[in-house]
């Protein structure tokens, strides 16, 4: 609103909850999701590495299963998902208006959560499905979401969704860098 932009209707993700559930179930039935009960503290403690957005989940629940009686999120087995996607489509790439063609590297973020413990979908799943449902052909987001596009491209390939172009613009920062 502060930019003077207006929209004809308010987008309501709540109207797409069934779509998110269907997509998650499809990925689960393809054997690409697994239950995870790890907390952020546990993830930080057992991180496989530090990625561009912090500790990378090391796959503890993929190997050992979730903790008994604890709430679970559903994570994408990125290695398995990439193998599946490459079998279907060949090497995955995506194009950013500023950075050019990119080889999809969702492994940079590790096995991301697609269904949160407290929500029906994570940002990755919701944004990917919403962009496709809304017919978005140019995804314009801030540079801070550049790495998420690696995951979104993988989800598009797995779910048979159209591939848009991307433009990750520099962030608008004040004099203190915020």
Foldseek 3Di string as FASTA:
>chain_A
DVVPDDDPDDDDLVVCLVVLLVLVVVCVVVVFKAKEQDDPVRQLVPFPDQFPVGGARPCPCVVVNYDPPGQTFIWGQVVVLLVVLCVVPNFFWAQEPPPGIGGQDLCSRHGDTQQDSPHSGDCLSSVLVVCQVVVPQEAEEAPVCVNSVSSSSSSCSVVVGDHHHYYHHYDDADPVRD
